[in-house]
Amino acid sequence: MRALKKFNEFLVKLGSWGTILFMAVMAVVIPYEVIGRYVFQRMSVWSGEVSTYSLAWASMLGAAVGLQKGYQVSMTTVVEAVPPAVAKALKLGSYLCTLFFFGAMFWYGLYQTIYNARQTSPAIGLVMSVPYASLPVGFFIMFFVTLEGFLGFLAWSPKRRQMIVFLAAFIGLLCISAPIIVALGGCALAYALVSGNMPSPRWSRPPLAGWPPFSLLAIRCSCWQETS
């Protein structure tokens, strides 16, 4: 848990400086674009794309920072009106739904980032993976910020909490059709962050001896997929 808090502090600090940077770019480029269009009757071809892509990054990073600081709008009328046991169940459900949504959007944003790697913007020729990368980065920060709040809400023993995180990360990654090797790596990373024990990668012999090269990379969870 201590490692997760430090990791989130680093992510939020990085997101805060990123938000400041892209907001500063917008504060300079947008007035320049307006003055050029209405005063000098000339507009540069790059200002529109720069301001749009800066807005995408500032929005995602700012949303992640705002989530950690409690700036997001929430409705607490129902939670405050029901008995404590029901309120706790509602909060638990909201945490689970939020974690699933952030995890799914991270995977979708990562897919879009990789998919658009060969596409460039028409004005400045920027690789479109750069603006699309704001999606996985922002949702990645929001996922771990929510995970920290979720673990604090549960208030379970450390061992039980670590096992729950391990299983939840593994099942969640499989549900979004991640390869098994990715699911194992993701749940191991989540377990290490929650437990605070970051092992050093030392091997006494080659791992997975006897497996063909890259065989695990091709294995996917196909429980809900039709097989021919």
C-alpha atoms as a PDB file:
ATOM      1  CA  MET A   1       0.000   0.000   0.000  1.00  0.00           C
ATOM      2  CA  ARG A   2       2.879   2.351   0.776  1.00  0.00           C
ATOM      3  CA  ALA A   3       4.425   1.658  -2.616  1.00  0.00           C
ATOM      4  CA  LEU A   4       1.077   2.309  -4.317  1.00  0.00           C
ATOM      5  CA  LYS A   5       0.759   5.671  -2.556  1.00  0.00           C
ATOM      6  CA  LYS A   6       4.240   6.721  -3.625  1.00  0.00           C
ATOM      7  CA  PHE A   7       3.548   5.543  -7.158  1.00  0.00           C
ATOM      8  CA  ASN A   8       0.317   7.561  -7.265  1.00  0.00           C
ATOM      9  CA  GLU A   9       2.054  10.624  -5.856  1.00  0.00           C
ATOM     10  CA  PHE A  10       4.573  10.414  -8.689  1.00  0.00           C
ATOM     11  CA  LEU A  11       1.812   9.962 -11.283  1.00  0.00           C
ATOM     12  CA  VAL A  12      -0.245  12.865  -9.932  1.00  0.00           C
ATOM     13  CA  LYS A  13       2.797  15.144  -9.800  1.00  0.00           C
ATOM     14  CA  LEU A  14       3.628  14.206 -13.381  1.00  0.00           C
ATOM     15  CA  GLY A  15       0.027  14.825 -14.404  1.00  0.00           C
ATOM     16  CA  SER A  16      -0.028  18.191 -12.634  1.00  0.00           C
ATOM     17  CA  TRP A  17       3.065  19.444 -14.452  1.00  0.00           C
ATOM     18  CA  GLY A  18       1.727  18.060 -17.726  1.00  0.00           C
ATOM     19  CA  THR A  19      -1.566  19.896 -17.228  1.00  0.00           C
ATOM     20  CA  ILE A  20       0.281  23.140 -16.508  1.00  0.00           C
ATOM     21  CA  LEU A  21       2.421  22.684 -19.625  1.00  0.00           C
ATOM     22  CA  PHE A  22      -0.449  22.035 -22.031  1.00  0.00           C
ATOM     23  CA  MET A  23      -2.613  24.762 -20.494  1.00  0.00           C
ATOM     24  CA  ALA A  24       0.263  27.187 -21.023  1.00  0.00           C
ATOM     25  CA  VAL A  25       0.525  26.107 -24.663  1.00  0.00           C
ATOM     26  CA  MET A  26      -3.207  26.700 -25.120  1.00  0.00           C
ATOM     27  CA  ALA A  27      -2.998  30.094 -23.389  1.00  0.00           C
ATOM     28  CA  VAL A  28      -0.418  31.209 -25.968  1.00  0.00           C
ATOM     29  CA  VAL A  29      -1.631  29.504 -29.149  1.00  0.00           C
ATOM     30  CA  ILE A  30      -5.387  30.210 -28.940  1.00  0.00           C
ATOM     31  CA  PRO A  31      -5.063  34.028 -28.544  1.00  0.00           C
ATOM     32  CA  TYR A  32      -2.477  33.978 -31.316  1.00  0.00           C
ATOM     33  CA  GLU A  33      -4.936  32.127 -33.531  1.00  0.00           C
ATOM     34  CA  VAL A  34      -7.824  34.502 -32.728  1.00  0.00           C
ATOM     35  CA  ILE A  35      -5.740  37.647 -33.297  1.00  0.00           C
ATOM     36  CA  GLY A  36      -4.353  36.286 -36.537  1.00  0.00           C
ATOM     37  CA  ARG A  37      -7.814  35.401 -37.835  1.00  0.00           C
ATOM     38  CA  TYR A  38      -9.763  38.544 -36.923  1.00  0.00           C
ATOM     39  CA  VAL A  39      -7.091  41.255 -36.775  1.00  0.00           C
ATOM     40  CA  PHE A  40      -4.499  40.337 -39.398  1.00  0.00           C
ATOM     41  CA  GLN A  41      -6.894  38.224 -41.527  1.00  0.00           C
ATOM     42  CA  ARG A  42      -4.280  35.479 -41.623  1.00  0.00           C
ATOM     43  CA  MET A  43      -4.143  32.226 -39.699  1.00  0.00           C
ATOM     44  CA  SER A  44      -1.310  29.721 -39.467  1.00  0.00           C
ATOM     45  CA  VAL A  45      -2.002  26.123 -40.411  1.00  0.00           C
ATOM     46  CA  TRP A  46      -0.463  24.624 -37.277  1.00  0.00           C
ATOM     47  CA  SER A  47      -2.209  26.568 -34.505  1.00  0.00           C
ATOM     48  CA  GLY A  48      -5.532  24.701 -34.730  1.00  0.00           C
ATOM     49  CA  GLU A  49      -3.985  21.272 -34.366  1.00  0.00           C
ATOM     50  CA  VAL A  50      -1.576  22.321 -31.615  1.00  0.00           C
ATOM     51  CA  SER A  51      -4.390  23.821 -29.528  1.00  0.00           C
ATOM     52  CA  THR A  52      -6.680  20.808 -30.119  1.00  0.00           C
ATOM     53  CA  TYR A  53      -4.065  18.225 -29.173  1.00  0.00           C
ATOM     54  CA  SER A  54      -2.972  20.303 -26.168  1.00  0.00           C
ATOM     55  CA  LEU A  55      -6.615  20.404 -25.052  1.00  0.00           C
ATOM     56  CA  ALA A  56      -6.828  16.599 -25.272  1.00  0.00           C
ATOM     57  CA  TRP A  57      -3.735  16.141 -23.099  1.00  0.00           C
ATOM     58  CA  ALA A  58      -4.730  18.868 -20.621  1.00  0.00           C
ATOM     59  CA  SER A  59      -8.225  17.361 -20.289  1.00  0.00           C
ATOM     60  CA  MET A  60      -7.037  13.821 -19.580  1.00  0.00           C
ATOM     61  CA  LEU A  61      -4.212  14.771 -17.232  1.00  0.00           C
ATOM     62  CA  GLY A  62      -6.341  17.385 -15.491  1.00  0.00           C
ATOM     63  CA  ALA A  63      -9.159  14.868 -15.002  1.00  0.00           C
ATOM     64  CA  ALA A  64      -6.725  12.417 -13.403  1.00  0.00           C
ATOM     65  CA  VAL A  65      -5.322  15.065 -11.053  1.00  0.00           C
ATOM     66  CA  GLY A  66      -8.825  16.302 -10.212  1.00  0.00           C
ATOM     67  CA  LEU A  67      -9.937  12.767  -9.392  1.00  0.00           C
ATOM     68  CA  GLN A  68      -7.111  12.369  -6.880  1.00  0.00           C
ATOM     69  CA  LYS A  69      -7.823  15.739  -5.276  1.00  0.00           C
ATOM     70  CA  GLY A  70     -11.601  15.181  -5.125  1.00  0.00           C
ATOM     71  CA  TYR A  71     -12.571  17.845  -7.666  1.00  0.00           C
ATOM     72  CA  GLN A  72     -14.896  15.571  -9.660  1.00  0.00           C
ATOM     73  CA  VAL A  73     -18.639  16.121  -9.288  1.00  0.00           C
ATOM     74  CA  SER A  74     -20.416  13.424  -7.273  1.00  0.00           C
ATOM     75  CA  MET A  75     -23.963  12.879  -5.975  1.00  0.00           C
ATOM     76  CA  THR A  76     -24.087  11.754  -2.355  1.00  0.00           C
ATOM     77  CA  THR A  77     -27.818  12.198  -1.663  1.00  0.00           C
ATOM     78  CA  VAL A  78     -28.701   8.523  -2.048  1.00  0.00           C
ATOM     79  CA  VAL A  79     -25.657   7.288  -0.124  1.00  0.00           C
ATOM     80  CA  GLU A  80     -26.393   9.620   2.772  1.00  0.00           C
ATOM     81  CA  ALA A  81     -30.095   8.676   2.868  1.00  0.00           C
ATOM     82  CA  VAL A  82     -29.714   4.889   3.138  1.00  0.00           C
ATOM     83  CA  PRO A  83     -28.502   2.804   6.117  1.00  0.00           C
ATOM     84  CA  PRO A  84     -24.717   2.445   6.575  1.00  0.00           C
ATOM     85  CA  ALA A  85     -24.628  -1.162   5.361  1.00  0.00           C
ATOM     86  CA  VAL A  86     -26.457  -0.271   2.138  1.00  0.00           C
ATOM     87  CA  ALA A  87     -24.263   2.801   1.674  1.00  0.00           C
ATOM     88  CA  LYS A  88     -21.143   0.670   1.975  1.00  0.00           C
ATOM     89  CA  ALA A  89     -22.507  -1.767  -0.618  1.00  0.00           C
ATOM     90  CA  LEU A  90     -23.278   1.114  -2.983  1.00  0.00           C
ATOM     91  CA  LYS A  91     -19.767   2.528  -2.567  1.00  0.00           C
ATOM     92  CA  LEU A  92     -18.282  -0.897  -3.181  1.00  0.00           C
ATOM     93  CA  GLY A  93     -20.293  -1.241  -6.384  1.00  0.00           C
ATOM     94  CA  SER A  94     -19.284   2.227  -7.538  1.00  0.00           C
ATOM     95  CA  TYR A  95     -15.603   1.469  -6.960  1.00  0.00           C
ATOM     96  CA  LEU A  96     -15.826  -1.795  -8.914  1.00  0.00           C
ATOM     97  CA  CYS A  97     -17.676  -0.185 -11.821  1.00  0.00           C
ATOM     98  CA  THR A  98     -15.212   2.714 -11.904  1.00  0.00           C
ATOM     99  CA  LEU A  99     -12.192   0.408 -11.896  1.00  0.00           C
ATOM    100  CA  PHE A 100     -13.681  -1.682 -14.714  1.00  0.00           C
ATOM    101  CA  PHE A 101     -14.465   1.434 -16.762  1.00  0.00           C
ATOM    102  CA  PHE A 102     -10.997   2.929 -16.306  1.00  0.00           C
ATOM    103  CA  GLY A 103      -9.341  -0.400 -17.109  1.00  0.00           C
ATOM    104  CA  ALA A 104     -11.423  -0.890 -20.266  1.00  0.00           C
ATOM    105  CA  MET A 105     -10.809   2.691 -21.434  1.00  0.00           C
ATOM    106  CA  PHE A 106      -7.077   2.322 -20.815  1.00  0.00           C
ATOM    107  CA  TRP A 107      -6.995  -0.777 -22.991  1.00  0.00           C
ATOM    108  CA  TYR A 108      -9.121   0.902 -25.692  1.00  0.00           C
ATOM    109  CA  GLY A 109      -6.939   4.034 -25.630  1.00  0.00           C
ATOM    110  CA  LEU A 110      -3.800   1.924 -25.880  1.00  0.00           C
ATOM    111  CA  TYR A 111      -5.295   0.113 -28.861  1.00  0.00           C
ATOM    112  CA  GLN A 112      -6.129   3.412 -30.576  1.00  0.00           C
ATOM    113  CA  THR A 113      -2.623   4.715 -29.890  1.00  0.00           C
ATOM    114  CA  ILE A 114      -1.015   1.694 -31.522  1.00  0.00           C
ATOM    115  CA  TYR A 115      -3.575   1.562 -34.340  1.00  0.00           C
ATOM    116  CA  ASN A 116      -2.930   5.185 -35.369  1.00  0.00           C
ATOM    117  CA  ALA A 117       0.852   4.933 -35.233  1.00  0.00           C
ATOM    118  CA  ARG A 118       1.128   5.226 -39.031  1.00  0.00           C
ATOM    119  CA  GLN A 119      -1.366   8.060 -39.400  1.00  0.00           C
ATOM    120  CA  THR A 120      -0.204  11.681 -39.417  1.00  0.00           C
ATOM    121  CA  SER A 121      -2.096  14.932 -38.934  1.00  0.00           C
ATOM    122  CA  PRO A 122      -2.800  16.909 -42.148  1.00  0.00           C
ATOM    123  CA  ALA A 123      -1.357  20.254 -41.041  1.00  0.00           C
ATOM    124  CA  ILE A 124       1.832  19.626 -39.076  1.00  0.00           C
ATOM    125  CA  GLY A 125       2.421  15.969 -39.905  1.00  0.00           C
ATOM    126  CA  LEU A 126       2.364  14.857 -36.282  1.00  0.00           C
ATOM    127  CA  VAL A 127       2.050  11.133 -35.659  1.00  0.00           C
ATOM    128  CA  MET A 128      -1.500  10.643 -34.393  1.00  0.00           C
ATOM    129  CA  SER A 129      -0.306   8.294 -31.667  1.00  0.00           C
ATOM    130  CA  VAL A 130       0.843  11.401 -29.782  1.00  0.00           C
ATOM    131  CA  PRO A 131      -2.635  12.913 -29.185  1.00  0.00           C
ATOM    132  CA  TYR A 132      -4.236   9.481 -28.828  1.00  0.00           C
ATOM    133  CA  ALA A 133      -1.714   8.572 -26.123  1.00  0.00           C
ATOM    134  CA  SER A 134      -3.477  11.025 -23.818  1.00  0.00           C
ATOM    135  CA  LEU A 135      -6.252   8.428 -23.396  1.00  0.00           C
ATOM    136  CA  PRO A 136      -4.223   5.516 -21.978  1.00  0.00           C
ATOM    137  CA  VAL A 137      -2.017   7.837 -19.914  1.00  0.00           C
ATOM    138  CA  GLY A 138      -4.960   9.649 -18.313  1.00  0.00           C
ATOM    139  CA  PHE A 139      -6.993   6.516 -17.641  1.00  0.00           C
ATOM    140  CA  PHE A 140      -3.902   4.741 -16.316  1.00  0.00           C
ATOM    141  CA  ILE A 141      -3.464   7.426 -13.652  1.00  0.00           C
ATOM    142  CA  MET A 142      -7.189   7.439 -12.847  1.00  0.00           C
ATOM    143  CA  PHE A 143      -7.219   3.652 -12.473  1.00  0.00           C
ATOM    144  CA  PHE A 144      -4.432   3.572  -9.891  1.00  0.00           C
ATOM    145  CA  VAL A 145      -5.807   6.585  -8.011  1.00  0.00           C
ATOM    146  CA  THR A 146      -9.168   4.808  -7.768  1.00  0.00           C
ATOM    147  CA  LEU A 147      -7.436   1.558  -6.788  1.00  0.00           C
ATOM    148  CA  GLU A 148      -5.780   3.296  -3.847  1.00  0.00           C
ATOM    149  CA  GLY A 149      -9.123   4.663  -2.665  1.00  0.00           C
ATOM    150  CA  PHE A 150     -10.756   1.267  -3.150  1.00  0.00           C
ATOM    151  CA  LEU A 151      -8.147  -0.526  -1.034  1.00  0.00           C
ATOM    152  CA  GLY A 152      -8.429   2.105   1.670  1.00  0.00           C
ATOM    153  CA  PHE A 153     -12.216   1.685   1.625  1.00  0.00           C
ATOM    154  CA  LEU A 154     -11.973  -2.084   2.096  1.00  0.00           C
ATOM    155  CA  ALA A 155      -9.617  -1.826   5.099  1.00  0.00           C
ATOM    156  CA  TRP A 156      -8.754  -5.516   4.879  1.00  0.00           C
ATOM    157  CA  SER A 157      -5.647  -7.222   6.162  1.00  0.00           C
ATOM    158  CA  PRO A 158      -2.604  -6.687   3.903  1.00  0.00           C
ATOM    159  CA  LYS A 159      -2.386 -10.328   2.781  1.00  0.00           C
ATOM    160  CA  ARG A 160      -6.049 -10.558   1.872  1.00  0.00           C
ATOM    161  CA  ARG A 161      -5.925  -7.199   0.115  1.00  0.00           C
ATOM    162  CA  GLN A 162      -2.918  -8.250  -1.955  1.00  0.00           C
ATOM    163  CA  MET A 163      -4.579 -11.470  -3.092  1.00  0.00           C
ATOM    164  CA  ILE A 164      -7.790  -9.637  -4.023  1.00  0.00           C
ATOM    165  CA  VAL A 165      -5.820  -7.140  -6.109  1.00  0.00           C
ATOM    166  CA  PHE A 166      -3.857  -9.943  -7.785  1.00  0.00           C
ATOM    167  CA  LEU A 167      -6.982 -11.893  -8.758  1.00  0.00           C
ATOM    168  CA  ALA A 168      -8.968  -8.804  -9.762  1.00  0.00           C
ATOM    169  CA  ALA A 169      -6.184  -7.536 -12.026  1.00  0.00           C
ATOM    170  CA  PHE A 170      -5.739 -10.964 -13.636  1.00  0.00           C
ATOM    171  CA  ILE A 171      -9.462 -11.528 -14.260  1.00  0.00           C
ATOM    172  CA  GLY A 172      -9.994  -7.951 -15.431  1.00  0.00           C
ATOM    173  CA  LEU A 173      -7.206  -8.166 -18.010  1.00  0.00           C
ATOM    174  CA  LEU A 174      -8.544 -11.484 -19.278  1.00  0.00           C
ATOM    175  CA  CYS A 175     -12.038  -9.998 -19.607  1.00  0.00           C
ATOM    176  CA  ILE A 176     -10.750  -7.376 -22.042  1.00  0.00           C
ATOM    177  CA  SER A 177      -9.054 -10.097 -24.148  1.00  0.00           C
ATOM    178  CA  ALA A 178      -5.510  -9.325 -23.060  1.00  0.00           C
ATOM    179  CA  PRO A 179      -2.939 -12.058 -23.789  1.00  0.00           C
ATOM    180  CA  ILE A 180      -2.187 -14.248 -20.795  1.00  0.00           C
ATOM    181  CA  ILE A 181       1.409 -13.049 -20.622  1.00  0.00           C
ATOM    182  CA  VAL A 182       0.135  -9.453 -20.383  1.00  0.00           C
ATOM    183  CA  ALA A 183      -2.421 -10.429 -17.727  1.00  0.00           C
ATOM    184  CA  LEU A 184       0.263 -12.162 -15.658  1.00  0.00           C
ATOM    185  CA  GLY A 185       2.583  -9.172 -15.919  1.00  0.00           C
ATOM    186  CA  GLY A 186      -0.197  -6.713 -15.046  1.00  0.00           C
ATOM    187  CA  CYS A 187      -1.408  -8.599 -11.974  1.00  0.00           C
ATOM    188  CA  ALA A 188       2.188  -9.111 -10.821  1.00  0.00           C
ATOM    189  CA  LEU A 189       2.822  -5.363 -11.118  1.00  0.00           C
ATOM    190  CA  ALA A 190      -0.381  -4.588  -9.188  1.00  0.00           C
ATOM    191  CA  TYR A 191       0.559  -7.093  -6.474  1.00  0.00           C
ATOM    192  CA  ALA A 192       4.055  -5.612  -6.150  1.00  0.00           C
ATOM    193  CA  LEU A 193       2.699  -2.059  -5.882  1.00  0.00           C
ATOM    194  CA  VAL A 194       0.153  -2.985  -3.209  1.00  0.00           C
ATOM    195  CA  SER A 195       2.530  -5.150  -1.173  1.00  0.00           C
ATOM    196  CA  GLY A 196       5.447  -2.726  -1.455  1.00  0.00           C
ATOM    197  CA  ASN A 197       7.851  -5.544  -2.366  1.00  0.00           C
ATOM    198  CA  MET A 198       9.502  -4.928  -5.721  1.00  0.00           C
ATOM    199  CA  PRO A 199      11.533  -8.080  -6.473  1.00  0.00           C
ATOM    200  CA  SER A 200      14.781  -7.912  -8.394  1.00  0.00           C
ATOM    201  CA  PRO A 201      14.608  -9.907 -11.656  1.00  0.00           C
ATOM    202  CA  ARG A 202      17.256 -12.579 -11.170  1.00  0.00           C
ATOM    203  CA  TRP A 203      17.021 -15.908 -12.941  1.00  0.00           C
ATOM    204  CA  SER A 204      19.024 -18.977 -12.064  1.00  0.00           C
ATOM    205  CA  ARG A 205      17.975 -20.644 -15.307  1.00  0.00           C
ATOM    206  CA  PRO A 206      16.071 -19.562 -18.440  1.00  0.00           C
ATOM    207  CA  PRO A 207      12.379 -18.978 -17.624  1.00  0.00           C
ATOM    208  CA  LEU A 208       9.687 -21.153 -19.172  1.00  0.00           C
ATOM    209  CA  ALA A 209      12.217 -23.719 -20.367  1.00  0.00           C
ATOM    210  CA  GLY A 210      10.856 -25.934 -23.103  1.00  0.00           C
ATOM    211  CA  TRP A 211       8.273 -23.437 -24.389  1.00  0.00           C
ATOM    212  CA  PRO A 212       8.596 -22.348 -28.038  1.00  0.00           C
ATOM    213  CA  PRO A 213       9.625 -18.673 -28.424  1.00  0.00           C
ATOM    214  CA  PHE A 214       6.755 -16.191 -28.083  1.00  0.00           C
ATOM    215  CA  SER A 215       4.182 -18.945 -27.631  1.00  0.00           C
ATOM    216  CA  LEU A 216       2.571 -17.301 -24.601  1.00  0.00           C
ATOM    217  CA  LEU A 217       2.184 -14.019 -26.451  1.00  0.00           C
ATOM    218  CA  ALA A 218      -0.349 -15.609 -28.794  1.00  0.00           C
ATOM    219  CA  ILE A 219      -2.587 -17.093 -26.076  1.00  0.00           C
ATOM    220  CA  ARG A 220      -5.762 -15.140 -25.450  1.00  0.00           C
ATOM    221  CA  CYS A 221      -8.746 -15.690 -23.224  1.00  0.00           C
ATOM    222  CA  SER A 222     -11.416 -17.035 -25.589  1.00  0.00           C
ATOM    223  CA  CYS A 223     -14.064 -18.107 -23.086  1.00  0.00           C
ATOM    224  CA  TRP A 224     -16.673 -15.814 -24.654  1.00  0.00           C
ATOM    225  CA  GLN A 225     -15.464 -16.073 -28.245  1.00  0.00           C
ATOM    226  CA  GLU A 226     -16.862 -18.488 -30.771  1.00  0.00           C
ATOM    227  CA  THR A 227     -14.394 -21.017 -32.061  1.00  0.00           C
ATOM    228  CA  SER A 228     -14.568 -22.364 -35.532  1.00  0.00           C
END
